[in-house]
Amino acid sequence: MASALPINRQWVIVLNNGDVIIDWGDGVFQDVMSGTFLTAVDQTGSHPVQDDECSWLEKAGAIQGFDKFQVYVFDLPIRSKKSIE
């Protein structure tokens, strides 16, 4: 089984349009379902992920599981960083 990365639930956000994203800070966001990195996100009307939404993500195979404090996410691509050179 693939290992999952625990993410604090306050950083897993459901947007007004229903998309679930991770807020990595510094204006970097990642879609939980597709793994796509986003630089501009309209957070108007967004909220931290709730239990029913976590259950749906788990059934959809986007997360390994969740508890009161964490969402366990797997299979997300890693963001490539530009070198300083």
PDB file of N, CA and C in Angstrom:
ATOM      1  N   MET A   1       0.845  -1.180   0.000  1.00  0.00           N
ATOM      2  CA  MET A   1       0.000   0.000   0.000  1.00  0.00           C
ATOM      3  C   MET A   1       0.892   1.245   0.000  1.00  0.00           C
ATOM      4  N   ALA A   2       0.531   2.221  -0.795  1.00  0.00           N
ATOM      5  CA  ALA A   2       1.289   3.471  -0.858  1.00  0.00           C
ATOM      6  C   ALA A   2       1.186   4.211   0.463  1.00  0.00           C
ATOM      7  N   SER A   3       2.295   4.835   0.854  1.00  0.00           N
ATOM      8  CA  SER A   3       2.240   5.617   2.086  1.00  0.00           C
ATOM      9  C   SER A   3       1.560   6.948   1.813  1.00  0.00           C
ATOM     10  N   ALA A   4       0.861   7.432   2.798  1.00  0.00           N
ATOM     11  CA  ALA A   4       0.105   8.675   2.642  1.00  0.00           C
ATOM     12  C   ALA A   4       0.758   9.780   3.449  1.00  0.00           C
ATOM     13  N   LEU A   5       0.622  10.985   2.949  1.00  0.00           N
ATOM     14  CA  LEU A   5       1.153  12.174   3.609  1.00  0.00           C
ATOM     15  C   LEU A   5       0.063  12.784   4.476  1.00  0.00           C
ATOM     16  N   PRO A   6       0.298  12.915   5.796  1.00  0.00           N
ATOM     17  CA  PRO A   6      -0.719  13.551   6.638  1.00  0.00           C
ATOM     18  C   PRO A   6      -0.701  15.065   6.431  1.00  0.00           C
ATOM     19  N   ILE A   7      -1.865  15.614   6.181  1.00  0.00           N
ATOM     20  CA  ILE A   7      -2.024  17.059   5.989  1.00  0.00           C
ATOM     21  C   ILE A   7      -3.029  17.546   7.023  1.00  0.00           C
ATOM     22  N   ASN A   8      -2.684  18.601   7.739  1.00  0.00           N
ATOM     23  CA  ASN A   8      -3.599  19.173   8.717  1.00  0.00           C
ATOM     24  C   ASN A   8      -4.887  19.587   8.005  1.00  0.00           C
ATOM     25  N   ARG A   9      -6.020  19.229   8.572  1.00  0.00           N
ATOM     26  CA  ARG A   9      -7.305  19.488   7.909  1.00  0.00           C
ATOM     27  C   ARG A   9      -7.561  20.960   7.641  1.00  0.00           C
ATOM     28  N   GLN A  10      -6.960  21.858   8.415  1.00  0.00           N
ATOM     29  CA  GLN A  10      -7.199  23.282   8.163  1.00  0.00           C
ATOM     30  C   GLN A  10      -6.614  23.725   6.825  1.00  0.00           C
ATOM     31  N   TRP A  11      -5.684  22.954   6.261  1.00  0.00           N
ATOM     32  CA  TRP A  11      -5.059  23.318   4.986  1.00  0.00           C
ATOM     33  C   TRP A  11      -5.721  22.624   3.801  1.00  0.00           C
ATOM     34  N   VAL A  12      -6.689  21.751   4.073  1.00  0.00           N
ATOM     35  CA  VAL A  12      -7.452  21.103   2.999  1.00  0.00           C
ATOM     36  C   VAL A  12      -8.767  21.861   2.897  1.00  0.00           C
ATOM     37  N   ILE A  13      -8.972  22.507   1.755  1.00  0.00           N
ATOM     38  CA  ILE A  13     -10.059  23.470   1.606  1.00  0.00           C
ATOM     39  C   ILE A  13     -10.995  23.056   0.475  1.00  0.00           C
ATOM     40  N   VAL A  14     -12.279  23.229   0.713  1.00  0.00           N
ATOM     41  CA  VAL A  14     -13.280  23.003  -0.323  1.00  0.00           C
ATOM     42  C   VAL A  14     -13.702  24.369  -0.851  1.00  0.00           C
ATOM     43  N   LEU A  15     -13.505  24.556  -2.148  1.00  0.00           N
ATOM     44  CA  LEU A  15     -13.860  25.826  -2.776  1.00  0.00           C
ATOM     45  C   LEU A  15     -15.357  25.894  -3.025  1.00  0.00           C
ATOM     46  N   ASN A  16     -15.829  27.072  -3.313  1.00  0.00           N
ATOM     47  CA  ASN A  16     -17.252  27.302  -3.573  1.00  0.00           C
ATOM     48  C   ASN A  16     -17.766  26.435  -4.728  1.00  0.00           C
ATOM     49  N   ASN A  17     -16.899  26.118  -5.703  1.00  0.00           N
ATOM     50  CA  ASN A  17     -17.314  25.297  -6.844  1.00  0.00           C
ATOM     51  C   ASN A  17     -17.233  23.798  -6.552  1.00  0.00           C
ATOM     52  N   GLY A  18     -16.815  23.421  -5.322  1.00  0.00           N
ATOM     53  CA  GLY A  18     -16.743  22.016  -4.929  1.00  0.00           C
ATOM     54  C   GLY A  18     -15.365  21.395  -5.064  1.00  0.00           C
ATOM     55  N   ASP A  19     -14.428  22.064  -5.710  1.00  0.00           N
ATOM     56  CA  ASP A  19     -13.070  21.536  -5.829  1.00  0.00           C
ATOM     57  C   ASP A  19     -12.418  21.483  -4.458  1.00  0.00           C
ATOM     58  N   VAL A  20     -11.646  20.441  -4.217  1.00  0.00           N
ATOM     59  CA  VAL A  20     -10.935  20.284  -2.956  1.00  0.00           C
ATOM     60  C   VAL A  20      -9.456  20.512  -3.229  1.00  0.00           C
ATOM     61  N   ILE A  21      -8.867  21.436  -2.482  1.00  0.00           N
ATOM     62  CA  ILE A  21      -7.473  21.797  -2.712  1.00  0.00           C
ATOM     63  C   ILE A  21      -6.691  21.760  -1.402  1.00  0.00           C
ATOM     64  N   ILE A  22      -5.374  21.683  -1.549  1.00  0.00           N
ATOM     65  CA  ILE A  22      -4.473  21.822  -0.411  1.00  0.00           C
ATOM     66  C   ILE A  22      -3.806  23.177  -0.542  1.00  0.00           C
ATOM     67  N   ASP A  23      -3.809  23.935   0.535  1.00  0.00           N
ATOM     68  CA  ASP A  23      -3.129  25.229   0.573  1.00  0.00           C
ATOM     69  C   ASP A  23      -1.734  24.988   1.139  1.00  0.00           C
ATOM     70  N   TRP A  24      -0.723  25.011   0.268  1.00  0.00           N
ATOM     71  CA  TRP A  24       0.659  24.769   0.684  1.00  0.00           C
ATOM     72  C   TRP A  24       1.330  26.039   1.190  1.00  0.00           C
ATOM     73  N   GLY A  25       0.643  27.174   1.131  1.00  0.00           N
ATOM     74  CA  GLY A  25       1.231  28.443   1.554  1.00  0.00           C
ATOM     75  C   GLY A  25       1.944  29.122   0.400  1.00  0.00           C
ATOM     76  N   ASP A  26       2.321  30.360   0.592  1.00  0.00           N
ATOM     77  CA  ASP A  26       3.018  31.165  -0.426  1.00  0.00           C
ATOM     78  C   ASP A  26       2.277  31.213  -1.755  1.00  0.00           C
ATOM     79  N   GLY A  27       0.948  31.154  -1.705  1.00  0.00           N
ATOM     80  CA  GLY A  27       0.154  31.244  -2.927  1.00  0.00           C
ATOM     81  C   GLY A  27       0.190  30.007  -3.801  1.00  0.00           C
ATOM     82  N   VAL A  28       0.564  28.876  -3.219  1.00  0.00           N
ATOM     83  CA  VAL A  28       0.608  27.614  -3.969  1.00  0.00           C
ATOM     84  C   VAL A  28      -0.500  26.708  -3.465  1.00  0.00           C
ATOM     85  N   PHE A  29      -1.305  26.212  -4.399  1.00  0.00           N
ATOM     86  CA  PHE A  29      -2.424  25.338  -4.091  1.00  0.00           C
ATOM     87  C   PHE A  29      -2.325  24.102  -4.977  1.00  0.00           C
ATOM     88  N   GLN A  30      -2.882  22.991  -4.506  1.00  0.00           N
ATOM     89  CA  GLN A  30      -2.874  21.764  -5.296  1.00  0.00           C
ATOM     90  C   GLN A  30      -4.231  21.104  -5.219  1.00  0.00           C
ATOM     91  N   ASP A  31      -4.768  20.754  -6.375  1.00  0.00           N
ATOM     92  CA  ASP A  31      -6.045  20.062  -6.458  1.00  0.00           C
ATOM     93  C   ASP A  31      -5.862  18.629  -5.959  1.00  0.00           C
ATOM     94  N   VAL A  32      -6.675  18.198  -5.012  1.00  0.00           N
ATOM     95  CA  VAL A  32      -6.536  16.871  -4.419  1.00  0.00           C
ATOM     96  C   VAL A  32      -6.885  15.774  -5.423  1.00  0.00           C
ATOM     97  N   MET A  33      -7.872  15.992  -6.264  1.00  0.00           N
ATOM     98  CA  MET A  33      -8.302  14.960  -7.202  1.00  0.00           C
ATOM     99  C   MET A  33      -7.332  14.779  -8.364  1.00  0.00           C
ATOM    100  N   SER A  34      -6.861  15.876  -8.946  1.00  0.00           N
ATOM    101  CA  SER A  34      -6.016  15.784 -10.142  1.00  0.00           C
ATOM    102  C   SER A  34      -4.527  15.905  -9.851  1.00  0.00           C
ATOM    103  N   GLY A  35      -4.176  16.516  -8.711  1.00  0.00           N
ATOM    104  CA  GLY A  35      -2.773  16.752  -8.397  1.00  0.00           C
ATOM    105  C   GLY A  35      -2.212  18.001  -9.045  1.00  0.00           C
ATOM    106  N   THR A  36      -3.021  18.702  -9.804  1.00  0.00           N
ATOM    107  CA  THR A  36      -2.589  19.902 -10.507  1.00  0.00           C
ATOM    108  C   THR A  36      -2.262  21.023  -9.525  1.00  0.00           C
ATOM    109  N   PHE A  37      -1.135  21.698  -9.764  1.00  0.00           N
ATOM    110  CA  PHE A  37      -0.774  22.859  -8.956  1.00  0.00           C
ATOM    111  C   PHE A  37      -1.450  24.097  -9.520  1.00  0.00           C
ATOM    112  N   LEU A  38      -1.947  24.933  -8.626  1.00  0.00           N
ATOM    113  CA  LEU A  38      -2.660  26.145  -9.011  1.00  0.00           C
ATOM    114  C   LEU A  38      -1.979  27.331  -8.346  1.00  0.00           C
ATOM    115  N   THR A  39      -1.914  28.449  -9.052  1.00  0.00           N
ATOM    116  CA  THR A  39      -1.314  29.644  -8.457  1.00  0.00           C
ATOM    117  C   THR A  39      -2.357  30.699  -8.138  1.00  0.00           C
ATOM    118  N   ALA A  40      -3.529  30.591  -8.739  1.00  0.00           N
ATOM    119  CA  ALA A  40      -4.596  31.556  -8.466  1.00  0.00           C
ATOM    120  C   ALA A  40      -5.866  30.784  -8.111  1.00  0.00           C
ATOM    121  N   VAL A  41      -6.389  31.047  -6.922  1.00  0.00           N
ATOM    122  CA  VAL A  41      -7.586  30.363  -6.459  1.00  0.00           C
ATOM    123  C   VAL A  41      -8.512  31.385  -5.820  1.00  0.00           C
ATOM    124  N   ASP A  42      -9.777  31.360  -6.223  1.00  0.00           N
ATOM    125  CA  ASP A  42     -10.778  32.218  -5.591  1.00  0.00           C
ATOM    126  C   ASP A  42     -11.307  31.485  -4.357  1.00  0.00           C
ATOM    127  N   GLN A  43     -10.924  31.959  -3.186  1.00  0.00           N
ATOM    128  CA  GLN A  43     -11.330  31.298  -1.946  1.00  0.00           C
ATOM    129  C   GLN A  43     -12.625  31.852  -1.360  1.00  0.00           C
ATOM    130  N   THR A  44     -13.308  32.719  -2.088  1.00  0.00           N
ATOM    131  CA  THR A  44     -14.585  33.251  -1.628  1.00  0.00           C
ATOM    132  C   THR A  44     -15.567  32.097  -1.413  1.00  0.00           C
ATOM    133  N   GLY A  45     -16.116  32.006  -0.231  1.00  0.00           N
ATOM    134  CA  GLY A  45     -17.094  30.965   0.074  1.00  0.00           C
ATOM    135  C   GLY A  45     -16.485  29.604   0.348  1.00  0.00           C
ATOM    136  N   SER A  46     -15.170  29.525   0.491  1.00  0.00           N
ATOM    137  CA  SER A  46     -14.529  28.239   0.752  1.00  0.00           C
ATOM    138  C   SER A  46     -14.607  27.891   2.243  1.00  0.00           C
ATOM    139  N   HIS A  47     -14.334  26.624   2.549  1.00  0.00           N
ATOM    140  CA  HIS A  47     -14.345  26.178   3.947  1.00  0.00           C
ATOM    141  C   HIS A  47     -13.396  24.988   4.120  1.00  0.00           C
ATOM    142  N   PRO A  48     -12.907  24.766   5.349  1.00  0.00           N
ATOM    143  CA  PRO A  48     -12.091  23.578   5.600  1.00  0.00           C
ATOM    144  C   PRO A  48     -12.905  22.313   5.330  1.00  0.00           C
ATOM    145  N   VAL A  49     -12.243  21.290   4.865  1.00  0.00           N
ATOM    146  CA  VAL A  49     -12.924  20.049   4.489  1.00  0.00           C
ATOM    147  C   VAL A  49     -13.654  19.451   5.699  1.00  0.00           C
ATOM    148  N   GLN A  50     -14.859  18.968   5.471  1.00  0.00           N
ATOM    149  CA  GLN A  50     -15.703  18.376   6.507  1.00  0.00           C
ATOM    150  C   GLN A  50     -15.679  16.845   6.385  1.00  0.00           C
ATOM    151  N   ASP A  51     -16.176  16.155   7.396  1.00  0.00           N
ATOM    152  CA  ASP A  51     -16.155  14.691   7.418  1.00  0.00           C
ATOM    153  C   ASP A  51     -16.837  14.062   6.201  1.00  0.00           C
ATOM    154  N   ASP A  52     -18.005  14.570   5.813  1.00  0.00           N
ATOM    155  CA  ASP A  52     -18.710  13.980   4.677  1.00  0.00           C
ATOM    156  C   ASP A  52     -17.913  14.150   3.380  1.00  0.00           C
ATOM    157  N   GLU A  53     -17.215  15.272   3.259  1.00  0.00           N
ATOM    158  CA  GLU A  53     -16.385  15.513   2.079  1.00  0.00           C
ATOM    159  C   GLU A  53     -15.154  14.607   2.101  1.00  0.00           C
ATOM    160  N   CYS A  54     -14.595  14.385   3.289  1.00  0.00           N
ATOM    161  CA  CYS A  54     -13.468  13.453   3.424  1.00  0.00           C
ATOM    162  C   CYS A  54     -13.902  12.035   3.062  1.00  0.00           C
ATOM    163  N   SER A  55     -15.082  11.646   3.501  1.00  0.00           N
ATOM    164  CA  SER A  55     -15.596  10.313   3.164  1.00  0.00           C
ATOM    165  C   SER A  55     -15.726  10.149   1.664  1.00  0.00           C
ATOM    166  N   TRP A  56     -16.214  11.169   0.996  1.00  0.00           N
ATOM    167  CA  TRP A  56     -16.343  11.131  -0.463  1.00  0.00           C
ATOM    168  C   TRP A  56     -14.974  11.012  -1.126  1.00  0.00           C
ATOM    169  N   LEU A  57     -13.990  11.799  -0.650  1.00  0.00           N
ATOM    170  CA  LEU A  57     -12.639  11.733  -1.200  1.00  0.00           C
ATOM    171  C   LEU A  57     -12.020  10.348  -0.998  1.00  0.00           C
ATOM    172  N   GLU A  58     -12.297   9.748   0.156  1.00  0.00           N
ATOM    173  CA  GLU A  58     -11.775   8.410   0.437  1.00  0.00           C
ATOM    174  C   GLU A  58     -12.391   7.383  -0.509  1.00  0.00           C
ATOM    175  N   LYS A  59     -13.698   7.457  -0.709  1.00  0.00           N
ATOM    176  CA  LYS A  59     -14.377   6.537  -1.630  1.00  0.00           C
ATOM    177  C   LYS A  59     -13.912   6.736  -3.065  1.00  0.00           C
ATOM    178  N   ALA A  60     -13.570   7.976  -3.419  1.00  0.00           N
ATOM    179  CA  ALA A  60     -13.099   8.287  -4.774  1.00  0.00           C
ATOM    180  C   ALA A  60     -11.635   7.897  -4.981  1.00  0.00           C
ATOM    181  N   GLY A  61     -10.948   7.504  -3.897  1.00  0.00           N
ATOM    182  CA  GLY A  61      -9.561   7.086  -4.003  1.00  0.00           C
ATOM    183  C   GLY A  61      -8.547   8.208  -3.979  1.00  0.00           C
ATOM    184  N   ALA A  62      -8.983   9.413  -3.609  1.00  0.00           N
ATOM    185  CA  ALA A  62      -8.075  10.566  -3.584  1.00  0.00           C
ATOM    186  C   ALA A  62      -7.300  10.653  -2.278  1.00  0.00           C
ATOM    187  N   ILE A  63      -7.855  10.095  -1.216  1.00  0.00           N
ATOM    188  CA  ILE A  63      -7.151  10.088   0.077  1.00  0.00           C
ATOM    189  C   ILE A  63      -7.201   8.679   0.655  1.00  0.00           C
ATOM    190  N   GLN A  64      -6.224   8.390   1.508  1.00  0.00           N
ATOM    191  CA  GLN A  64      -6.180   7.076   2.147  1.00  0.00           C
ATOM    192  C   GLN A  64      -7.141   7.012   3.323  1.00  0.00           C
ATOM    193  N   GLY A  65      -7.347   8.147   3.991  1.00  0.00           N
ATOM    194  CA  GLY A  65      -8.237   8.198   5.135  1.00  0.00           C
ATOM    195  C   GLY A  65      -8.166   9.558   5.791  1.00  0.00           C
ATOM    196  N   PHE A  66      -8.788   9.673   6.948  1.00  0.00           N
ATOM    197  CA  PHE A  66      -8.810  10.943   7.667  1.00  0.00           C
ATOM    198  C   PHE A  66      -9.165  10.670   9.121  1.00  0.00           C
ATOM    199  N   ASP A  67      -8.833  11.634   9.952  1.00  0.00           N
ATOM    200  CA  ASP A  67      -9.266  11.607  11.340  1.00  0.00           C
ATOM    201  C   ASP A  67      -9.644  13.030  11.731  1.00  0.00           C
ATOM    202  N   LYS A  68      -9.791  13.276  12.996  1.00  0.00           N
ATOM    203  CA  LYS A  68     -10.241  14.587  13.464  1.00  0.00           C
ATOM    204  C   LYS A  68      -9.285  15.718  13.069  1.00  0.00           C
ATOM    205  N   PHE A  69      -7.988  15.401  12.965  1.00  0.00           N
ATOM    206  CA  PHE A  69      -6.982  16.434  12.743  1.00  0.00           C
ATOM    207  C   PHE A  69      -6.289  16.389  11.382  1.00  0.00           C
ATOM    208  N   GLN A  70      -6.244  15.228  10.756  1.00  0.00           N
ATOM    209  CA  GLN A  70      -5.452  15.041   9.543  1.00  0.00           C
ATOM    210  C   GLN A  70      -6.279  14.449   8.407  1.00  0.00           C
ATOM    211  N   VAL A  71      -5.828  14.742   7.187  1.00  0.00           N
ATOM    212  CA  VAL A  71      -6.289  14.052   5.991  1.00  0.00           C
ATOM    213  C   VAL A  71      -5.045  13.378   5.423  1.00  0.00           C
ATOM    214  N   TYR A  72      -5.141  12.090   5.117  1.00  0.00           N
ATOM    215  CA  TYR A  72      -3.994  11.325   4.639  1.00  0.00           C
ATOM    216  C   TYR A  72      -4.078  11.191   3.121  1.00  0.00           C
ATOM    217  N   VAL A  73      -3.259  12.000   2.452  1.00  0.00           N
ATOM    218  CA  VAL A  73      -3.317  12.125   0.997  1.00  0.00           C
ATOM    219  C   VAL A  73      -2.176  11.325   0.377  1.00  0.00           C
ATOM    220  N   PHE A  74      -2.467  10.630  -0.717  1.00  0.00           N
ATOM    221  CA  PHE A  74      -1.403   9.942  -1.439  1.00  0.00           C
ATOM    222  C   PHE A  74      -1.513  10.184  -2.937  1.00  0.00           C
ATOM    223  N   ASP A  75      -0.463   9.793  -3.623  1.00  0.00           N
ATOM    224  CA  ASP A  75      -0.406   9.865  -5.083  1.00  0.00           C
ATOM    225  C   ASP A  75      -0.511  11.270  -5.657  1.00  0.00           C
ATOM    226  N   LEU A  76       0.026  12.261  -4.961  1.00  0.00           N
ATOM    227  CA  LEU A  76       0.066  13.608  -5.522  1.00  0.00           C
ATOM    228  C   LEU A  76       1.436  13.854  -6.142  1.00  0.00           C
ATOM    229  N   PRO A  77       1.467  14.498  -7.307  1.00  0.00           N
ATOM    230  CA  PRO A  77       2.767  14.833  -7.892  1.00  0.00           C
ATOM    231  C   PRO A  77       3.506  15.850  -7.034  1.00  0.00           C
ATOM    232  N   ILE A  78       4.815  15.806  -7.106  1.00  0.00           N
ATOM    233  CA  ILE A  78       5.654  16.741  -6.368  1.00  0.00           C
ATOM    234  C   ILE A  78       5.900  17.954  -7.246  1.00  0.00           C
ATOM    235  N   ARG A  79       5.838  19.106  -6.641  1.00  0.00           N
ATOM    236  CA  ARG A  79       6.045  20.375  -7.373  1.00  0.00           C
ATOM    237  C   ARG A  79       7.519  20.519  -7.725  1.00  0.00           C
ATOM    238  N   SER A  80       7.773  20.762  -8.995  1.00  0.00           N
ATOM    239  CA  SER A  80       9.169  20.995  -9.397  1.00  0.00           C
ATOM    240  C   SER A  80       9.516  22.439  -9.111  1.00  0.00           C
ATOM    241  N   LYS A  81      10.724  22.646  -8.625  1.00  0.00           N
ATOM    242  CA  LYS A  81      11.189  23.993  -8.298  1.00  0.00           C
ATOM    243  C   LYS A  81      12.256  24.385  -9.286  1.00  0.00           C
ATOM    244  N   LYS A  82      12.259  25.649  -9.650  1.00  0.00           N
ATOM    245  CA  LYS A  82      13.291  26.163 -10.528  1.00  0.00           C
ATOM    246  C   LYS A  82      14.588  26.296  -9.740  1.00  0.00           C
ATOM    247  N   SER A  83      15.695  25.988 -10.400  1.00  0.00           N
ATOM    248  CA  SER A  83      16.978  26.121  -9.709  1.00  0.00           C
ATOM    249  C   SER A  83      17.350  27.603  -9.599  1.00  0.00           C
ATOM    250  N   ILE A  84      18.208  27.903  -8.659  1.00  0.00           N
ATOM    251  CA  ILE A  84      18.632  29.271  -8.430  1.00  0.00           C
ATOM    252  C   ILE A  84      19.585  29.741  -9.520  1.00  0.00           C
ATOM    253  N   GLU A  85      20.255  28.813 -10.151  1.00  0.00           N
ATOM    254  CA  GLU A  85      21.261  29.166 -11.161  1.00  0.00           C
ATOM    255  C   GLU A  85      20.685  29.867 -12.335  1.00  0.00           C
TER     256      GLU A  85
END
